């Protein structure tokens, strides 16, 4: 899986950080220390870590990922990363 999206709420920029959906690479999720959860009202699961985005980005860089883009969507910050 060469692409990864991570996100966090602007008001909680020190974490938690959403690092994957229910189909995310399990090995990568273990590397990030992610926990799978289902939020009440959603019909999908997501992986999250308590770390702020900066720590997650550092860990993903160590795995060969590079940031392609970053944006704000409402109250959410989103980063798109790619691994060659």
Protein backbone atom coordinates (compact mmCIF):
# COMPACT_ATOMS: atom_id res chain seq x y z
CA UNK A 1 0.00 0.00 0.00
CA UNK A 2 2.01 2.98 -1.22
CA UNK A 3 -0.39 5.74 -0.03
CA UNK A 4 -1.30 6.70 3.52
CA UNK A 5 -3.67 9.40 4.82
CA UNK A 6 -3.34 10.69 8.36
CA UNK A 7 -5.54 13.28 10.03
CA UNK A 8 -6.26 15.08 13.27
CA UNK A 9 -8.70 17.67 14.53
CA UNK A 10 -7.31 21.21 14.66
CA UNK A 11 -8.40 21.63 18.27
CA UNK A 12 -6.47 18.48 19.29
CA UNK A 13 -3.31 18.92 17.22
CA UNK A 14 -1.32 17.15 19.94
CA UNK A 15 -3.21 13.93 19.23
CA UNK A 16 -4.87 11.60 18.71
CA UNK A 17 -3.97 11.11 15.07
CA UNK A 18 -6.03 8.92 12.71
CA UNK A 19 -3.54 6.79 10.75
CA UNK A 20 -5.59 4.33 8.73
CA UNK A 21 -8.90 2.75 7.86
CA UNK A 22 -10.04 -0.82 8.43
CA UNK A 23 -8.11 -1.96 5.32
CA UNK A 24 -4.77 -0.42 6.37
CA UNK A 25 -1.55 -2.45 6.29
CA UNK A 26 -1.44 -4.32 9.64
CA UNK A 27 2.38 -4.30 9.74
CA UNK A 28 2.50 -0.53 9.26
CA UNK A 29 -0.19 -0.05 11.92
CA UNK A 30 1.93 -2.12 14.37
CA UNK A 31 4.97 0.04 13.55
CA UNK A 32 2.95 3.16 14.37
CA UNK A 33 1.57 1.60 17.55
CA UNK A 34 -1.98 2.08 16.26
CA UNK A 35 -5.16 0.78 17.84
CA UNK A 36 -8.26 -0.14 15.83
CA UNK A 37 -11.55 1.40 16.98
CA UNK A 38 -15.12 1.92 15.86
CA UNK A 39 -16.67 5.29 16.68
CA UNK A 40 -20.35 5.29 17.59
CA UNK A 41 -22.41 6.30 14.56
CA UNK A 42 -19.78 5.27 11.97
CA UNK A 43 -20.18 2.06 9.94
CA UNK A 44 -16.40 1.63 9.59
CA UNK A 45 -13.35 1.15 11.77
CA UNK A 46 -10.24 3.30 11.91
CA UNK A 47 -6.74 3.09 13.35
CA UNK A 48 -5.49 5.82 15.64
CA UNK A 49 -2.50 6.65 17.83
CA UNK A 50 -2.28 9.00 20.80
CA UNK A 51 0.77 10.68 19.25
CA UNK A 52 0.59 14.10 17.59
CA UNK A 53 0.90 14.22 13.78
CA UNK A 54 4.56 15.32 13.93
CA UNK A 55 5.56 12.07 15.66
CA UNK A 56 3.51 10.00 13.19
CA UNK A 57 5.10 11.81 10.24
CA UNK A 58 8.58 11.11 11.66
CA UNK A 59 7.74 7.39 12.03
CA UNK A 60 6.37 7.21 8.49
CA UNK A 61 9.47 8.94 7.10
CA UNK A 62 11.58 6.20 8.71
CA UNK A 63 9.51 3.69 6.72
CA UNK A 64 10.20 5.54 3.44
CA UNK A 65 7.02 7.63 3.16
CA UNK A 66 7.09 11.24 1.93
CA UNK A 67 4.40 13.90 2.29
CA UNK A 68 2.69 14.63 -1.04
CA UNK A 69 0.17 17.15 0.23
CA UNK A 70 -1.41 18.64 3.33
CA UNK A 71 -4.68 20.51 3.69
CA UNK A 72 -7.30 21.64 6.13
CA UNK A 73 -10.85 20.38 5.69
CA UNK A 74 -13.19 22.16 8.08
CA UNK A 75 -11.72 21.49 11.53
CA UNK A 76 -9.55 18.59 10.28
CA UNK A 77 -5.92 18.58 9.14
CA UNK A 78 -5.07 15.90 6.54
CA UNK A 79 -1.71 14.70 5.19
CA UNK A 80 -1.30 12.42 2.16
CA UNK A 81 1.94 10.42 2.06
CA UNK A 82 3.42 8.10 -0.58
CA UNK A 83 6.13 5.47 -0.54
CA UNK A 84 8.05 4.70 -3.73
